[in-house]
Amino acid sequence: MKDRYERHRQAWTTDEIQRLHMMANKGMSLRAIAKALTRSEESTKKRAKQDKLTIQKKR
């Protein structure tokens, strides 16, 4: 479990932020976005909230 998130406590890069915005705008779920970015769901949700993005709930 220790190596679960490769990006643990690392700053978000510009590329990651752009990808987050793109995936959120496409309507992807939080889990799918977090997995694609190799970030935790909590970290992804926190960054999305900071950028005022809306992430779809699971359908």
PDB file of N, CA and C in Angstrom:
ATOM      1  N   MET A   1       0.813  -1.191   0.000  1.00  0.00           N
ATOM      2  CA  MET A   1       0.000   0.000   0.000  1.00  0.00           C
ATOM      3  C   MET A   1       0.861   1.262   0.000  1.00  0.00           C
ATOM      4  N   LYS A   2       2.061   1.160   0.495  1.00  0.00           N
ATOM      5  CA  LYS A   2       2.962   2.299   0.593  1.00  0.00           C
ATOM      6  C   LYS A   2       3.228   2.960  -0.765  1.00  0.00           C
ATOM      7  N   ASP A   3       3.370   2.177  -1.822  1.00  0.00           N
ATOM      8  CA  ASP A   3       3.691   2.697  -3.148  1.00  0.00           C
ATOM      9  C   ASP A   3       2.452   2.886  -4.021  1.00  0.00           C
ATOM     10  N   ARG A   4       1.299   3.002  -3.411  1.00  0.00           N
ATOM     11  CA  ARG A   4       0.050   3.055  -4.160  1.00  0.00           C
ATOM     12  C   ARG A   4      -0.043   4.269  -5.080  1.00  0.00           C
ATOM     13  N   TYR A   5       0.379   5.437  -4.606  1.00  0.00           N
ATOM     14  CA  TYR A   5       0.289   6.655  -5.405  1.00  0.00           C
ATOM     15  C   TYR A   5       1.686   7.165  -5.709  1.00  0.00           C
ATOM     16  N   GLU A   6       2.036   7.129  -6.984  1.00  0.00           N
ATOM     17  CA  GLU A   6       3.372   7.551  -7.404  1.00  0.00           C
ATOM     18  C   GLU A   6       3.633   9.024  -7.104  1.00  0.00           C
ATOM     19  N   ARG A   7       2.594   9.845  -7.148  1.00  0.00           N
ATOM     20  CA  ARG A   7       2.756  11.288  -7.046  1.00  0.00           C
ATOM     21  C   ARG A   7       2.474  11.829  -5.654  1.00  0.00           C
ATOM     22  N   HIS A   8       2.513  10.991  -4.640  1.00  0.00           N
ATOM     23  CA  HIS A   8       2.169  11.382  -3.272  1.00  0.00           C
ATOM     24  C   HIS A   8       2.966  12.596  -2.817  1.00  0.00           C
ATOM     25  N   ARG A   9       2.222  13.628  -2.404  1.00  0.00           N
ATOM     26  CA  ARG A   9       2.790  14.879  -1.874  1.00  0.00           C
ATOM     27  C   ARG A   9       3.688  15.636  -2.852  1.00  0.00           C
ATOM     28  N   GLN A  10       3.516  15.396  -4.142  1.00  0.00           N
ATOM     29  CA  GLN A  10       4.291  16.139  -5.136  1.00  0.00           C
ATOM     30  C   GLN A  10       3.399  17.204  -5.752  1.00  0.00           C
ATOM     31  N   ALA A  11       3.996  18.328  -6.077  1.00  0.00           N
ATOM     32  CA  ALA A  11       3.243  19.437  -6.663  1.00  0.00           C
ATOM     33  C   ALA A  11       2.623  19.035  -8.000  1.00  0.00           C
ATOM     34  N   TRP A  12       1.484  19.650  -8.296  1.00  0.00           N
ATOM     35  CA  TRP A  12       0.813  19.403  -9.571  1.00  0.00           C
ATOM     36  C   TRP A  12       1.576  20.133 -10.670  1.00  0.00           C
ATOM     37  N   THR A  13       1.808  19.444 -11.781  1.00  0.00           N
ATOM     38  CA  THR A  13       2.469  20.081 -12.919  1.00  0.00           C
ATOM     39  C   THR A  13       1.411  20.758 -13.792  1.00  0.00           C
ATOM     40  N   THR A  14       1.844  21.656 -14.644  1.00  0.00           N
ATOM     41  CA  THR A  14       0.931  22.342 -15.560  1.00  0.00           C
ATOM     42  C   THR A  14       0.227  21.335 -16.456  1.00  0.00           C
ATOM     43  N   ASP A  15       0.953  20.333 -16.907  1.00  0.00           N
ATOM     44  CA  ASP A  15       0.382  19.297 -17.773  1.00  0.00           C
ATOM     45  C   ASP A  15      -0.719  18.523 -17.035  1.00  0.00           C
ATOM     46  N   GLU A  16      -0.473  18.166 -15.789  1.00  0.00           N
ATOM     47  CA  GLU A  16      -1.475  17.435 -15.004  1.00  0.00           C
ATOM     48  C   GLU A  16      -2.736  18.277 -14.807  1.00  0.00           C
ATOM     49  N   ILE A  17      -2.559  19.551 -14.556  1.00  0.00           N
ATOM     50  CA  ILE A  17      -3.702  20.441 -14.353  1.00  0.00           C
ATOM     51  C   ILE A  17      -4.517  20.552 -15.641  1.00  0.00           C
ATOM     52  N   GLN A  18      -3.843  20.676 -16.773  1.00  0.00           N
ATOM     53  CA  GLN A  18      -4.537  20.744 -18.063  1.00  0.00           C
ATOM     54  C   GLN A  18      -5.303  19.445 -18.326  1.00  0.00           C
ATOM     55  N   ARG A  19      -4.689  18.312 -18.020  1.00  0.00           N
ATOM     56  CA  ARG A  19      -5.355  17.014 -18.206  1.00  0.00           C
ATOM     57  C   ARG A  19      -6.560  16.886 -17.281  1.00  0.00           C
ATOM     58  N   LEU A  20      -6.424  17.356 -16.034  1.00  0.00           N
ATOM     59  CA  LEU A  20      -7.534  17.333 -15.090  1.00  0.00           C
ATOM     60  C   LEU A  20      -8.717  18.133 -15.638  1.00  0.00           C
ATOM     61  N   HIS A  21      -8.450  19.338 -16.132  1.00  0.00           N
ATOM     62  CA  HIS A  21      -9.503  20.184 -16.695  1.00  0.00           C
ATOM     63  C   HIS A  21     -10.171  19.500 -17.887  1.00  0.00           C
ATOM     64  N   MET A  22      -9.369  18.935 -18.773  1.00  0.00           N
ATOM     65  CA  MET A  22      -9.892  18.273 -19.972  1.00  0.00           C
ATOM     66  C   MET A  22     -10.799  17.094 -19.584  1.00  0.00           C
ATOM     67  N   MET A  23     -10.325  16.240 -18.666  1.00  0.00           N
ATOM     68  CA  MET A  23     -11.096  15.062 -18.274  1.00  0.00           C
ATOM     69  C   MET A  23     -12.366  15.448 -17.518  1.00  0.00           C
ATOM     70  N   ALA A  24     -12.288  16.467 -16.686  1.00  0.00           N
ATOM     71  CA  ALA A  24     -13.472  16.931 -15.948  1.00  0.00           C
ATOM     72  C   ALA A  24     -14.514  17.478 -16.920  1.00  0.00           C
ATOM     73  N   ASN A  25     -14.057  18.225 -17.918  1.00  0.00           N
ATOM     74  CA  ASN A  25     -14.971  18.784 -18.919  1.00  0.00           C
ATOM     75  C   ASN A  25     -15.608  17.708 -19.785  1.00  0.00           C
ATOM     76  N   LYS A  26     -14.925  16.567 -19.944  1.00  0.00           N
ATOM     77  CA  LYS A  26     -15.478  15.441 -20.706  1.00  0.00           C
ATOM     78  C   LYS A  26     -16.504  14.667 -19.887  1.00  0.00           C
ATOM     79  N   GLY A  27     -16.564  14.949 -18.589  1.00  0.00           N
ATOM     80  CA  GLY A  27     -17.536  14.268 -17.743  1.00  0.00           C
ATOM     81  C   GLY A  27     -17.043  12.969 -17.132  1.00  0.00           C
ATOM     82  N   MET A  28     -15.738  12.780 -17.068  1.00  0.00           N
ATOM     83  CA  MET A  28     -15.186  11.562 -16.467  1.00  0.00           C
ATOM     84  C   MET A  28     -15.392  11.563 -14.958  1.00  0.00           C
ATOM     85  N   SER A  29     -15.432  10.377 -14.368  1.00  0.00           N
ATOM     86  CA  SER A  29     -15.626  10.251 -12.920  1.00  0.00           C
ATOM     87  C   SER A  29     -14.342  10.581 -12.174  1.00  0.00           C
ATOM     88  N   LEU A  30     -14.499  10.885 -10.904  1.00  0.00           N
ATOM     89  CA  LEU A  30     -13.352  11.191 -10.047  1.00  0.00           C
ATOM     90  C   LEU A  30     -12.364  10.038 -10.035  1.00  0.00           C
ATOM     91  N   ARG A  31     -12.878   8.826  -9.882  1.00  0.00           N
ATOM     92  CA  ARG A  31     -12.013   7.637  -9.831  1.00  0.00           C
ATOM     93  C   ARG A  31     -11.212   7.482 -11.120  1.00  0.00           C
ATOM     94  N   ALA A  32     -11.858   7.668 -12.266  1.00  0.00           N
ATOM     95  CA  ALA A  32     -11.181   7.520 -13.558  1.00  0.00           C
ATOM     96  C   ALA A  32     -10.105   8.593 -13.745  1.00  0.00           C
ATOM     97  N   ILE A  33     -10.426   9.812 -13.349  1.00  0.00           N
ATOM     98  CA  ILE A  33      -9.457  10.909 -13.482  1.00  0.00           C
ATOM     99  C   ILE A  33      -8.251  10.656 -12.576  1.00  0.00           C
ATOM    100  N   ALA A  34      -8.509  10.298 -11.326  1.00  0.00           N
ATOM    101  CA  ALA A  34      -7.425  10.044 -10.368  1.00  0.00           C
ATOM    102  C   ALA A  34      -6.514   8.927 -10.869  1.00  0.00           C
ATOM    103  N   LYS A  35      -7.118   7.870 -11.392  1.00  0.00           N
ATOM    104  CA  LYS A  35      -6.326   6.738 -11.898  1.00  0.00           C
ATOM    105  C   LYS A  35      -5.475   7.165 -13.095  1.00  0.00           C
ATOM    106  N   ALA A  36      -6.057   7.943 -14.001  1.00  0.00           N
ATOM    107  CA  ALA A  36      -5.333   8.400 -15.194  1.00  0.00           C
ATOM    108  C   ALA A  36      -4.149   9.296 -14.823  1.00  0.00           C
ATOM    109  N   LEU A  37      -4.314  10.064 -13.741  1.00  0.00           N
ATOM    110  CA  LEU A  37      -3.252  10.987 -13.323  1.00  0.00           C
ATOM    111  C   LEU A  37      -2.308  10.375 -12.286  1.00  0.00           C
ATOM    112  N   THR A  38      -2.565   9.124 -11.913  1.00  0.00           N
ATOM    113  CA  THR A  38      -1.838   8.430 -10.827  1.00  0.00           C
ATOM    114  C   THR A  38      -1.788   9.290  -9.568  1.00  0.00           C
ATOM    115  N   ARG A  39      -2.957   9.836  -9.212  1.00  0.00           N
ATOM    116  CA  ARG A  39      -3.149  10.637  -8.001  1.00  0.00           C
ATOM    117  C   ARG A  39      -4.246   9.992  -7.177  1.00  0.00           C
ATOM    118  N   SER A  40      -4.286  10.295  -5.900  1.00  0.00           N
ATOM    119  CA  SER A  40      -5.374   9.788  -5.065  1.00  0.00           C
ATOM    120  C   SER A  40      -6.657  10.533  -5.427  1.00  0.00           C
ATOM    121  N   GLU A  41      -7.793   9.912  -5.133  1.00  0.00           N
ATOM    122  CA  GLU A  41      -9.074  10.570  -5.386  1.00  0.00           C
ATOM    123  C   GLU A  41      -9.183  11.840  -4.551  1.00  0.00           C
ATOM    124  N   GLU A  42      -8.697  11.779  -3.322  1.00  0.00           N
ATOM    125  CA  GLU A  42      -8.759  12.935  -2.431  1.00  0.00           C
ATOM    126  C   GLU A  42      -7.946  14.105  -2.991  1.00  0.00           C
ATOM    127  N   SER A  43      -6.749  13.824  -3.467  1.00  0.00           N
ATOM    128  CA  SER A  43      -5.893  14.860  -4.040  1.00  0.00           C
ATOM    129  C   SER A  43      -6.529  15.455  -5.290  1.00  0.00           C
ATOM    130  N   THR A  44      -7.103  14.591  -6.110  1.00  0.00           N
ATOM    131  CA  THR A  44      -7.739  15.031  -7.350  1.00  0.00           C
ATOM    132  C   THR A  44      -8.956  15.904  -7.045  1.00  0.00           C
ATOM    133  N   LYS A  45      -9.764  15.472  -6.062  1.00  0.00           N
ATOM    134  CA  LYS A  45     -10.956  16.237  -5.676  1.00  0.00           C
ATOM    135  C   LYS A  45     -10.551  17.609  -5.124  1.00  0.00           C
ATOM    136  N   LYS A  46      -9.491  17.626  -4.319  1.00  0.00           N
ATOM    137  CA  LYS A  46      -9.011  18.871  -3.720  1.00  0.00           C
ATOM    138  C   LYS A  46      -8.539  19.851  -4.802  1.00  0.00           C
ATOM    139  N   ARG A  47      -7.797  19.340  -5.788  1.00  0.00           N
ATOM    140  CA  ARG A  47      -7.298  20.200  -6.876  1.00  0.00           C
ATOM    141  C   ARG A  47      -8.454  20.702  -7.733  1.00  0.00           C
ATOM    142  N   ALA A  48      -9.427  19.842  -8.001  1.00  0.00           N
ATOM    143  CA  ALA A  48     -10.588  20.240  -8.802  1.00  0.00           C
ATOM    144  C   ALA A  48     -11.366  21.349  -8.094  1.00  0.00           C
ATOM    145  N   LYS A  49     -11.527  21.217  -6.789  1.00  0.00           N
ATOM    146  CA  LYS A  49     -12.247  22.231  -6.009  1.00  0.00           C
ATOM    147  C   LYS A  49     -11.478  23.554  -6.036  1.00  0.00           C
ATOM    148  N   GLN A  50     -10.170  23.457  -5.924  1.00  0.00           N
ATOM    149  CA  GLN A  50      -9.314  24.650  -5.950  1.00  0.00           C
ATOM    150  C   GLN A  50      -9.466  25.387  -7.283  1.00  0.00           C
ATOM    151  N   ASP A  51      -9.614  24.619  -8.378  1.00  0.00           N
ATOM    152  CA  ASP A  51      -9.753  25.208  -9.717  1.00  0.00           C
ATOM    153  C   ASP A  51     -11.216  25.441 -10.093  1.00  0.00           C
ATOM    154  N   LYS A  52     -12.136  25.230  -9.134  1.00  0.00           N
ATOM    155  CA  LYS A  52     -13.566  25.411  -9.341  1.00  0.00           C
ATOM    156  C   LYS A  52     -14.114  24.554 -10.484  1.00  0.00           C
ATOM    157  N   LEU A  53     -13.662  23.296 -10.529  1.00  0.00           N
ATOM    158  CA  LEU A  53     -14.146  22.341 -11.536  1.00  0.00           C
ATOM    159  C   LEU A  53     -15.241  21.473 -10.936  1.00  0.00           C
ATOM    160  N   THR A  54     -16.135  21.011 -11.769  1.00  0.00           N
ATOM    161  CA  THR A  54     -17.175  20.082 -11.338  1.00  0.00           C
ATOM    162  C   THR A  54     -16.829  18.710 -11.904  1.00  0.00           C
ATOM    163  N   ILE A  55     -16.764  17.723 -11.035  1.00  0.00           N
ATOM    164  CA  ILE A  55     -16.481  16.350 -11.458  1.00  0.00           C
ATOM    165  C   ILE A  55     -17.752  15.534 -11.286  1.00  0.00           C
ATOM    166  N   GLN A  56     -18.064  14.754 -12.312  1.00  0.00           N
ATOM    167  CA  GLN A  56     -19.282  13.946 -12.307  1.00  0.00           C
ATOM    168  C   GLN A  56     -19.247  12.888 -11.215  1.00  0.00           C
ATOM    169  N   LYS A  57     -20.422  12.629 -10.666  1.00  0.00           N
ATOM    170  CA  LYS A  57     -20.559  11.518  -9.710  1.00  0.00           C
ATOM    171  C   LYS A  57     -20.620  10.231 -10.520  1.00  0.00           C
ATOM    172  N   LYS A  58     -20.350   9.106  -9.846  1.00  0.00           N
ATOM    173  CA  LYS A  58     -20.467   7.814 -10.536  1.00  0.00           C
ATOM    174  C   LYS A  58     -21.899   7.613 -10.983  1.00  0.00           C
ATOM    175  N   ARG A  59     -22.072   7.053 -12.163  1.00  0.00           N
ATOM    176  CA  ARG A  59     -23.426   6.818 -12.689  1.00  0.00           C
ATOM    177  C   ARG A  59     -23.898   5.453 -12.375  1.00  0.00           C
TER     178      ARG A  59
END
